Amino acid sequence: MELDPRTDSSPFNESDEAEQAPAGATEPSRDVRIRHLQRVPLFSGFNEKELRRVAELARIVDVPAGTAVTQIGEPGNSFFVIIDGTVAVRTPVGTGAQLHPGEFFGEMSLLDGEPRSATIVATTDLRLLVVDRSHFWRLLDETPDLIRGMLTILSRRVRRLEQTVHAILHGTNPT
């Protein structure tokens, strides 16, 4: 299921002065869009100008629990960062880890052009930051720190997969 921009909730375009920035955040922004992004570890170290650029290229979408956000084998046209909520990752091997606020998914299809490698299902109500294909590469070009963060996380995911495959082949419990 690719999300339909005509039906998405878009708090990025609303003012919400009642919402407060998280404890420890430096100089909370007056812009609700920026305050959402300040809560996402992938964007830690971004200044307000960089966060504003991410906000300009993205949208926020609310997704009800039980919704399949992506389907394995379907084309992928969006990259997602979880702002609030939890998702379950289902691959051909079975149900994998859950992803939580600050984690992301959907990047592989945008990076390599291949169909989705996993089905992602909302296990709770979600608030997602969505970057569509048309903005993804521009965002990466303009924010090198985002590339570094994504590469680090992708490397960790590959290592976990290698450990799991090794454990399956050798009949041990992956750590």
N, C-alpha and C. Protein backbone atom coordinates (compact mmCIF):
# COMPACT_ATOMS: atom_id res chain seq x y z
N MET A 1 0.85 -1.18 0.00
CA MET A 1 0.00 0.00 0.00
C MET A 1 0.88 1.23 0.00
N GLU A 2 0.88 1.96 -1.06
CA GLU A 2 1.54 3.26 -1.04
C GLU A 2 0.50 4.25 -0.55
N LEU A 3 0.92 5.18 0.27
CA LEU A 3 0.00 6.10 0.89
C LEU A 3 -0.47 7.16 -0.10
N ASP A 4 -1.72 7.47 -0.04
CA ASP A 4 -2.35 8.42 -0.96
C ASP A 4 -2.25 9.83 -0.39
N PRO A 5 -1.51 10.74 -1.04
CA PRO A 5 -1.34 12.07 -0.50
C PRO A 5 -2.65 12.84 -0.36
N ARG A 6 -3.70 12.44 -1.07
CA ARG A 6 -4.97 13.16 -0.96
C ARG A 6 -5.69 12.83 0.33
N THR A 7 -5.36 11.68 0.94
CA THR A 7 -6.06 11.29 2.16
C THR A 7 -5.16 11.31 3.39
N ASP A 8 -3.89 11.64 3.22
CA ASP A 8 -2.96 11.66 4.35
C ASP A 8 -3.26 12.82 5.28
N SER A 9 -3.08 12.56 6.56
CA SER A 9 -3.12 13.63 7.54
C SER A 9 -1.79 14.35 7.44
N SER A 10 -1.80 15.65 7.48
CA SER A 10 -0.57 16.37 7.26
C SER A 10 -0.32 17.42 8.33
N PRO A 11 0.05 17.00 9.56
CA PRO A 11 0.34 17.97 10.59
C PRO A 11 1.51 18.87 10.24
N PHE A 12 2.31 18.54 9.23
CA PHE A 12 3.38 19.43 8.83
C PHE A 12 2.83 20.78 8.39
N ASN A 13 1.58 20.82 8.04
CA ASN A 13 1.00 22.06 7.56
C ASN A 13 0.11 22.73 8.59
N GLU A 14 0.17 22.25 9.84
CA GLU A 14 -0.66 22.82 10.88
C GLU A 14 0.20 23.45 11.95
N SER A 15 -0.37 24.39 12.69
CA SER A 15 0.31 24.97 13.83
C SER A 15 -0.17 24.26 15.07
N ASP A 16 0.76 23.97 15.98
CA ASP A 16 0.41 23.24 17.20
C ASP A 16 1.27 23.77 18.33
N GLU A 17 0.95 24.92 18.82
CA GLU A 17 1.74 25.54 19.86
C GLU A 17 1.65 24.82 21.19
N ALA A 18 0.64 23.97 21.40
CA ALA A 18 0.47 23.27 22.66
C ALA A 18 1.49 22.15 22.82
N GLU A 19 1.97 21.58 21.71
CA GLU A 19 2.91 20.48 21.79
C GLU A 19 4.26 20.99 22.25
N GLN A 20 4.92 20.22 23.13
CA GLN A 20 6.21 20.64 23.65
C GLN A 20 7.32 19.78 23.09
N ALA A 21 8.50 20.34 22.97
CA ALA A 21 9.65 19.60 22.51
C ALA A 21 10.09 18.64 23.60
N PRO A 22 10.77 17.56 23.23
CA PRO A 22 11.21 16.59 24.23
C PRO A 22 12.25 17.18 25.17
N ALA A 23 12.34 16.59 26.37
CA ALA A 23 13.33 17.03 27.33
C ALA A 23 14.71 16.86 26.73
N GLY A 24 15.57 17.82 26.96
CA GLY A 24 16.94 17.73 26.45
C GLY A 24 17.11 18.28 25.05
N ALA A 25 16.05 18.63 24.38
CA ALA A 25 16.18 19.20 23.03
C ALA A 25 16.74 20.60 23.15
N THR A 26 17.61 20.94 22.22
CA THR A 26 18.18 22.27 22.25
C THR A 26 17.26 23.21 21.50
N GLU A 27 17.00 24.33 22.11
CA GLU A 27 16.16 25.37 21.52
C GLU A 27 14.98 24.81 20.75
N PRO A 28 13.90 24.47 21.44
CA PRO A 28 12.73 23.95 20.74
C PRO A 28 12.24 24.94 19.69
N SER A 29 11.90 24.43 18.57
CA SER A 29 11.41 25.26 17.47
C SER A 29 9.97 25.66 17.72
N ARG A 30 9.58 26.77 17.14
CA ARG A 30 8.17 27.19 17.19
C ARG A 30 7.35 26.45 16.14
N ASP A 31 8.03 25.80 15.22
CA ASP A 31 7.38 25.10 14.11
C ASP A 31 7.15 23.65 14.51
N VAL A 32 5.89 23.20 14.49
CA VAL A 32 5.55 21.83 14.87
C VAL A 32 6.26 20.82 13.98
N ARG A 33 6.46 21.16 12.72
CA ARG A 33 7.16 20.25 11.82
C ARG A 33 8.57 19.96 12.31
N ILE A 34 9.25 21.01 12.71
CA ILE A 34 10.62 20.87 13.18
C ILE A 34 10.64 20.12 14.51
N ARG A 35 9.68 20.38 15.38
CA ARG A 35 9.63 19.68 16.68
C ARG A 35 9.45 18.18 16.47
N HIS A 36 8.65 17.77 15.49
CA HIS A 36 8.52 16.33 15.18
C HIS A 36 9.87 15.77 14.78
N LEU A 37 10.57 16.43 13.90
CA LEU A 37 11.84 15.94 13.40
C LEU A 37 12.92 15.91 14.49
N GLN A 38 12.88 16.87 15.43
CA GLN A 38 13.86 16.91 16.50
C GLN A 38 13.79 15.67 17.39
N ARG A 39 12.67 14.96 17.36
CA ARG A 39 12.49 13.76 18.18
C ARG A 39 13.04 12.50 17.50
N VAL A 40 13.48 12.60 16.25
CA VAL A 40 13.92 11.44 15.48
C VAL A 40 15.45 11.34 15.53
N PRO A 41 15.97 10.25 16.12
CA PRO A 41 17.44 10.12 16.23
C PRO A 41 18.19 10.21 14.90
N LEU A 42 17.58 9.76 13.80
CA LEU A 42 18.23 9.83 12.50
C LEU A 42 18.60 11.27 12.14
N PHE A 43 17.86 12.24 12.69
CA PHE A 43 18.12 13.65 12.39
C PHE A 43 18.87 14.38 13.50
N SER A 44 19.41 13.63 14.47
CA SER A 44 20.17 14.28 15.54
C SER A 44 21.38 14.96 14.92
N GLY A 45 21.71 16.09 15.42
CA GLY A 45 22.83 16.85 14.87
C GLY A 45 22.44 17.79 13.75
N PHE A 46 21.21 17.70 13.27
CA PHE A 46 20.74 18.62 12.23
C PHE A 46 20.39 19.95 12.89
N ASN A 47 20.78 21.04 12.24
CA ASN A 47 20.35 22.34 12.75
C ASN A 47 18.95 22.64 12.22
N GLU A 48 18.36 23.75 12.68
CA GLU A 48 16.98 24.05 12.30
C GLU A 48 16.83 24.27 10.79
N LYS A 49 17.82 24.84 10.15
CA LYS A 49 17.76 25.04 8.70
C LYS A 49 17.69 23.70 7.97
N GLU A 50 18.52 22.74 8.39
CA GLU A 50 18.52 21.42 7.76
C GLU A 50 17.20 20.69 8.03
N LEU A 51 16.71 20.81 9.26
CA LEU A 51 15.42 20.18 9.59
C LEU A 51 14.29 20.80 8.78
N ARG A 52 14.34 22.10 8.59
CA ARG A 52 13.31 22.77 7.80
C ARG A 52 13.33 22.24 6.36
N ARG A 53 14.52 21.98 5.83
CA ARG A 53 14.62 21.45 4.46
C ARG A 53 14.03 20.05 4.39
N VAL A 54 14.30 19.22 5.41
CA VAL A 54 13.69 17.89 5.45
C VAL A 54 12.17 18.04 5.47
N ALA A 55 11.67 18.95 6.30
CA ALA A 55 10.22 19.17 6.41
C ALA A 55 9.62 19.61 5.08
N GLU A 56 10.35 20.43 4.32
CA GLU A 56 9.84 20.89 3.03
C GLU A 56 9.72 19.76 2.03
N LEU A 57 10.59 18.75 2.14
CA LEU A 57 10.62 17.65 1.18
C LEU A 57 9.82 16.44 1.64
N ALA A 58 9.24 16.52 2.83
CA ALA A 58 8.53 15.37 3.40
C ALA A 58 7.12 15.76 3.80
N ARG A 59 6.38 14.73 4.17
CA ARG A 59 5.04 14.95 4.72
C ARG A 59 4.86 14.00 5.88
N ILE A 60 3.95 14.33 6.77
CA ILE A 60 3.65 13.44 7.89
C ILE A 60 2.30 12.80 7.61
N VAL A 61 2.26 11.50 7.88
CA VAL A 61 1.06 10.71 7.61
C VAL A 61 0.69 9.95 8.88
N ASP A 62 -0.59 9.96 9.23
CA ASP A 62 -1.10 9.15 10.33
C ASP A 62 -1.68 7.88 9.73
N VAL A 63 -1.31 6.73 10.32
CA VAL A 63 -1.71 5.42 9.81
C VAL A 63 -2.33 4.62 10.96
N PRO A 64 -3.53 4.07 10.78
CA PRO A 64 -4.14 3.28 11.86
C PRO A 64 -3.47 1.92 12.05
N ALA A 65 -3.52 1.42 13.28
CA ALA A 65 -2.99 0.10 13.59
C ALA A 65 -3.62 -0.94 12.67
N GLY A 66 -2.83 -1.94 12.29
CA GLY A 66 -3.31 -3.01 11.42
C GLY A 66 -3.12 -2.75 9.95
N THR A 67 -2.73 -1.56 9.57
CA THR A 67 -2.53 -1.20 8.17
C THR A 67 -1.19 -1.72 7.66
N ALA A 68 -1.20 -2.33 6.48
CA ALA A 68 0.05 -2.71 5.82
C ALA A 68 0.58 -1.46 5.10
N VAL A 69 1.69 -0.96 5.57
CA VAL A 69 2.26 0.26 5.00
C VAL A 69 3.00 -0.07 3.70
N THR A 70 3.72 -1.19 3.68
CA THR A 70 4.35 -1.68 2.45
C THR A 70 4.03 -3.16 2.31
N GLN A 71 4.07 -3.64 1.06
CA GLN A 71 3.83 -5.06 0.77
C GLN A 71 5.03 -5.62 0.03
N ILE A 72 5.51 -6.76 0.48
CA ILE A 72 6.64 -7.42 -0.18
C ILE A 72 6.30 -7.65 -1.66
N GLY A 73 7.27 -7.38 -2.52
CA GLY A 73 7.11 -7.60 -3.95
C GLY A 73 6.52 -6.44 -4.71
N GLU A 74 5.93 -5.47 -4.03
CA GLU A 74 5.36 -4.31 -4.72
C GLU A 74 6.43 -3.25 -4.95
N PRO A 75 6.22 -2.39 -5.95
CA PRO A 75 7.18 -1.31 -6.17
C PRO A 75 7.17 -0.36 -4.96
N GLY A 76 8.33 0.20 -4.69
CA GLY A 76 8.43 1.14 -3.58
C GLY A 76 8.68 2.54 -4.07
N ASN A 77 7.85 3.46 -3.63
CA ASN A 77 8.00 4.85 -4.06
C ASN A 77 8.20 5.82 -2.90
N SER A 78 8.34 5.29 -1.66
CA SER A 78 8.48 6.16 -0.50
C SER A 78 9.42 5.56 0.53
N PHE A 79 10.02 6.45 1.29
CA PHE A 79 10.89 6.14 2.41
C PHE A 79 10.17 6.64 3.65
N PHE A 80 10.20 5.88 4.74
CA PHE A 80 9.42 6.20 5.93
C PHE A 80 10.31 6.27 7.17
N VAL A 81 10.07 7.27 8.02
CA VAL A 81 10.70 7.36 9.34
C VAL A 81 9.56 7.36 10.35
N ILE A 82 9.66 6.49 11.34
CA ILE A 82 8.61 6.40 12.36
C ILE A 82 8.79 7.53 13.36
N ILE A 83 7.77 8.36 13.49
CA ILE A 83 7.76 9.43 14.49
C ILE A 83 7.13 8.91 15.78
N ASP A 84 5.97 8.27 15.66
CA ASP A 84 5.26 7.68 16.80
C ASP A 84 4.70 6.34 16.37
N GLY A 85 4.74 5.35 17.27
CA GLY A 85 4.13 4.05 17.01
C GLY A 85 5.16 2.97 16.73
N THR A 86 4.65 1.79 16.39
CA THR A 86 5.48 0.61 16.17
C THR A 86 4.97 -0.16 14.96
N VAL A 87 5.91 -0.75 14.22
CA VAL A 87 5.55 -1.60 13.08
C VAL A 87 6.22 -2.96 13.22
N ALA A 88 5.62 -3.98 12.59
CA ALA A 88 6.21 -5.31 12.51
C ALA A 88 6.76 -5.49 11.10
N VAL A 89 7.93 -6.10 11.02
CA VAL A 89 8.58 -6.36 9.74
C VAL A 89 8.38 -7.82 9.40
N ARG A 90 7.82 -8.08 8.23
CA ARG A 90 7.59 -9.46 7.77
C ARG A 90 8.35 -9.65 6.46
N THR A 91 9.23 -10.64 6.46
CA THR A 91 10.04 -10.96 5.28
C THR A 91 9.73 -12.39 4.85
N PRO A 92 10.28 -12.84 3.72
CA PRO A 92 10.05 -14.23 3.31
C PRO A 92 10.51 -15.25 4.36
N VAL A 93 11.45 -14.87 5.21
CA VAL A 93 11.95 -15.76 6.25
C VAL A 93 10.96 -15.85 7.41
N GLY A 94 10.13 -14.84 7.58
CA GLY A 94 9.16 -14.83 8.68
C GLY A 94 9.05 -13.43 9.27
N THR A 95 8.37 -13.35 10.41
CA THR A 95 8.22 -12.07 11.08
C THR A 95 9.54 -11.73 11.76
N GLY A 96 10.02 -10.55 11.47
CA GLY A 96 11.29 -10.12 12.04
C GLY A 96 11.07 -9.16 13.19
N ALA A 97 11.97 -8.27 13.32
CA ALA A 97 11.96 -7.31 14.41
C ALA A 97 10.81 -6.32 14.29
N GLN A 98 10.57 -5.65 15.38
CA GLN A 98 9.67 -4.51 15.35
C GLN A 98 10.52 -3.26 15.23
N LEU A 99 9.99 -2.25 14.56
CA LEU A 99 10.66 -0.97 14.45
C LEU A 99 9.88 0.04 15.28
N HIS A 100 10.62 0.97 15.88
CA HIS A 100 10.06 1.92 16.84
C HIS A 100 10.36 3.36 16.41
N PRO A 101 9.84 4.34 17.14
CA PRO A 101 10.10 5.74 16.78
C PRO A 101 11.59 6.01 16.56
N GLY A 102 11.86 6.73 15.48
CA GLY A 102 13.22 7.07 15.11
C GLY A 102 13.81 6.11 14.10
N GLU A 103 13.22 4.93 13.96
CA GLU A 103 13.73 3.97 12.98
C GLU A 103 13.05 4.21 11.64
N PHE A 104 13.65 3.66 10.57
CA PHE A 104 13.14 3.92 9.23
C PHE A 104 13.04 2.64 8.44
N PHE A 105 12.28 2.72 7.34
CA PHE A 105 12.14 1.59 6.42
C PHE A 105 11.75 2.13 5.05
N GLY A 106 11.86 1.27 4.04
CA GLY A 106 11.47 1.64 2.68
C GLY A 106 12.60 2.19 1.84
N GLU A 107 13.78 2.34 2.44
CA GLU A 107 14.89 2.94 1.72
C GLU A 107 15.47 2.04 0.64
N MET A 108 15.40 0.72 0.84
CA MET A 108 16.05 -0.19 -0.12
C MET A 108 15.46 -0.07 -1.52
N SER A 109 14.15 -0.01 -1.63
CA SER A 109 13.53 0.11 -2.96
C SER A 109 13.90 1.42 -3.64
N LEU A 110 14.07 2.47 -2.84
CA LEU A 110 14.44 3.74 -3.45
C LEU A 110 15.92 3.75 -3.84
N LEU A 111 16.74 3.01 -3.10
CA LEU A 111 18.17 2.96 -3.42
C LEU A 111 18.48 2.09 -4.62
N ASP A 112 17.81 0.91 -4.71
CA ASP A 112 18.18 -0.01 -5.79
C ASP A 112 17.11 -0.22 -6.86
N GLY A 113 15.94 0.37 -6.70
CA GLY A 113 14.89 0.26 -7.71
C GLY A 113 14.16 -1.08 -7.73
N GLU A 114 14.50 -1.98 -6.82
CA GLU A 114 13.86 -3.29 -6.76
C GLU A 114 12.55 -3.22 -5.97
N PRO A 115 11.69 -4.24 -6.11
CA PRO A 115 10.44 -4.25 -5.33
C PRO A 115 10.71 -4.32 -3.82
N ARG A 116 9.70 -4.04 -3.05
CA ARG A 116 9.80 -4.09 -1.59
C ARG A 116 10.27 -5.46 -1.13
N SER A 117 11.18 -5.49 -0.17
CA SER A 117 11.72 -6.75 0.35
C SER A 117 11.01 -7.21 1.61
N ALA A 118 10.10 -6.39 2.12
CA ALA A 118 9.38 -6.75 3.34
C ALA A 118 7.99 -6.14 3.34
N THR A 119 7.11 -6.78 4.08
CA THR A 119 5.81 -6.20 4.37
C THR A 119 5.93 -5.55 5.74
N ILE A 120 5.51 -4.31 5.83
CA ILE A 120 5.56 -3.57 7.09
C ILE A 120 4.13 -3.30 7.52
N VAL A 121 3.78 -3.75 8.73
CA VAL A 121 2.42 -3.61 9.24
C VAL A 121 2.44 -2.78 10.52
N ALA A 122 1.56 -1.81 10.61
CA ALA A 122 1.43 -0.99 11.82
C ALA A 122 0.87 -1.85 12.95
N THR A 123 1.64 -1.99 14.03
CA THR A 123 1.12 -2.73 15.19
C THR A 123 0.43 -1.81 16.17
N THR A 124 0.65 -0.51 16.01
CA THR A 124 -0.05 0.52 16.78
C THR A 124 -0.42 1.61 15.78
N ASP A 125 -1.20 2.59 16.21
CA ASP A 125 -1.40 3.77 15.37
C ASP A 125 -0.02 4.39 15.14
N LEU A 126 0.20 4.89 13.94
CA LEU A 126 1.50 5.42 13.55
C LEU A 126 1.41 6.87 13.14
N ARG A 127 2.49 7.55 13.33
CA ARG A 127 2.74 8.83 12.68
C ARG A 127 4.07 8.66 11.98
N LEU A 128 4.05 8.80 10.65
CA LEU A 128 5.22 8.57 9.82
C LEU A 128 5.65 9.84 9.11
N LEU A 129 6.93 10.02 8.98
CA LEU A 129 7.50 11.02 8.09
C LEU A 129 7.72 10.29 6.77
N VAL A 130 7.17 10.80 5.69
CA VAL A 130 7.24 10.14 4.39
C VAL A 130 7.98 11.03 3.40
N VAL A 131 8.99 10.44 2.77
CA VAL A 131 9.73 11.12 1.70
C VAL A 131 9.52 10.30 0.44
N ASP A 132 8.91 10.91 -0.56
CA ASP A 132 8.64 10.22 -1.81
C ASP A 132 9.88 10.18 -2.69
N ARG A 133 9.87 9.23 -3.63
CA ARG A 133 11.01 9.03 -4.54
C ARG A 133 11.48 10.34 -5.16
N SER A 134 10.55 11.19 -5.57
CA SER A 134 10.92 12.42 -6.25
C SER A 134 11.76 13.36 -5.38
N HIS A 135 11.68 13.20 -4.07
CA HIS A 135 12.44 14.06 -3.15
C HIS A 135 13.58 13.34 -2.45
N PHE A 136 13.59 12.01 -2.48
CA PHE A 136 14.55 11.21 -1.71
C PHE A 136 15.99 11.55 -2.07
N TRP A 137 16.32 11.50 -3.36
CA TRP A 137 17.71 11.73 -3.77
C TRP A 137 18.13 13.18 -3.51
N ARG A 138 17.21 14.11 -3.70
CA ARG A 138 17.52 15.51 -3.41
C ARG A 138 17.85 15.67 -1.92
N LEU A 139 17.05 15.02 -1.07
CA LEU A 139 17.28 15.08 0.37
C LEU A 139 18.65 14.50 0.72
N LEU A 140 19.01 13.37 0.12
CA LEU A 140 20.32 12.78 0.40
C LEU A 140 21.45 13.69 -0.10
N ASP A 141 21.27 14.30 -1.26
CA ASP A 141 22.28 15.22 -1.79
C ASP A 141 22.50 16.41 -0.86
N GLU A 142 21.42 16.89 -0.27
CA GLU A 142 21.48 18.11 0.53
C GLU A 142 21.84 17.86 2.00
N THR A 143 21.80 16.61 2.45
CA THR A 143 22.05 16.33 3.87
C THR A 143 23.00 15.13 4.02
N PRO A 144 24.30 15.36 3.87
CA PRO A 144 25.27 14.27 3.97
C PRO A 144 25.22 13.54 5.31
N ASP A 145 24.85 14.22 6.39
CA ASP A 145 24.75 13.54 7.68
C ASP A 145 23.66 12.48 7.66
N LEU A 146 22.62 12.68 6.88
CA LEU A 146 21.56 11.69 6.76
C LEU A 146 22.10 10.44 6.07
N ILE A 147 22.92 10.62 5.06
CA ILE A 147 23.52 9.48 4.36
C ILE A 147 24.37 8.67 5.34
N ARG A 148 25.19 9.36 6.14
CA ARG A 148 26.04 8.66 7.11
C ARG A 148 25.20 7.86 8.09
N GLY A 149 24.14 8.46 8.60
CA GLY A 149 23.28 7.77 9.55
C GLY A 149 22.61 6.56 8.94
N MET A 150 22.11 6.71 7.72
CA MET A 150 21.45 5.59 7.05
C MET A 150 22.43 4.47 6.75
N LEU A 151 23.64 4.80 6.30
CA LEU A 151 24.63 3.77 5.99
C LEU A 151 25.02 2.99 7.25
N THR A 152 25.17 3.68 8.36
CA THR A 152 25.50 3.01 9.62
C THR A 152 24.40 2.02 10.00
N ILE A 153 23.16 2.45 9.91
CA ILE A 153 22.04 1.58 10.28
C ILE A 153 21.91 0.42 9.30
N LEU A 154 22.06 0.68 8.01
CA LEU A 154 21.99 -0.40 7.02
C LEU A 154 23.10 -1.42 7.26
N SER A 155 24.29 -0.97 7.61
CA SER A 155 25.39 -1.88 7.90
C SER A 155 25.04 -2.76 9.10
N ARG A 156 24.46 -2.19 10.13
CA ARG A 156 24.06 -2.97 11.30
C ARG A 156 23.00 -4.01 10.93
N ARG A 157 22.07 -3.63 10.06
CA ARG A 157 21.03 -4.57 9.63
C ARG A 157 21.65 -5.74 8.87
N VAL A 158 22.62 -5.47 8.01
CA VAL A 158 23.27 -6.54 7.26
C VAL A 158 24.01 -7.46 8.22
N ARG A 159 24.71 -6.90 9.19
CA ARG A 159 25.42 -7.73 10.17
C ARG A 159 24.46 -8.62 10.95
N ARG A 160 23.32 -8.08 11.38
CA ARG A 160 22.33 -8.90 12.10
C ARG A 160 21.82 -10.02 11.21
N LEU A 161 21.58 -9.72 9.94
CA LEU A 161 21.13 -10.74 9.00
C LEU A 161 22.19 -11.83 8.83
N GLU A 162 23.44 -11.43 8.70
CA GLU A 162 24.52 -12.41 8.59
C GLU A 162 24.58 -13.30 9.83
N GLN A 163 24.43 -12.71 11.01
CA GLN A 163 24.44 -13.49 12.26
C GLN A 163 23.28 -14.47 12.29
N THR A 164 22.11 -14.03 11.84
CA THR A 164 20.93 -14.91 11.81
C THR A 164 21.14 -16.07 10.85
N VAL A 165 21.64 -15.78 9.65
CA VAL A 165 21.89 -16.84 8.66
C VAL A 165 22.93 -17.81 9.22
N HIS A 166 23.98 -17.30 9.81
CA HIS A 166 25.01 -18.17 10.40
C HIS A 166 24.40 -19.07 11.47
N ALA A 167 23.58 -18.49 12.32
CA ALA A 167 22.94 -19.27 13.39
C ALA A 167 22.02 -20.34 12.83
N ILE A 168 21.28 -20.02 11.78
CA ILE A 168 20.39 -21.01 11.16
C ILE A 168 21.20 -22.16 10.56
N LEU A 169 22.27 -21.81 9.86
CA LEU A 169 23.09 -22.82 9.22
C LEU A 169 23.82 -23.72 10.20
N HIS A 170 24.14 -23.16 11.38
CA HIS A 170 24.91 -23.90 12.37
C HIS A 170 24.07 -24.36 13.56
N GLY A 171 22.75 -24.13 13.49
CA GLY A 171 21.86 -24.60 14.54
C GLY A 171 22.08 -23.96 15.89
N THR A 172 22.55 -22.72 15.89
CA THR A 172 22.74 -22.02 17.16
C THR A 172 21.76 -20.88 17.26
N ASN A 173 21.68 -20.27 18.42
CA ASN A 173 20.76 -19.17 18.67
C ASN A 173 21.47 -17.85 18.32
N PRO A 174 20.91 -17.05 17.40
CA PRO A 174 21.57 -15.78 17.05
C PRO A 174 21.56 -14.84 18.25
N THR A 175 22.62 -14.07 18.40
CA THR A 175 22.70 -13.11 19.51
C THR A 175 22.45 -11.72 19.05
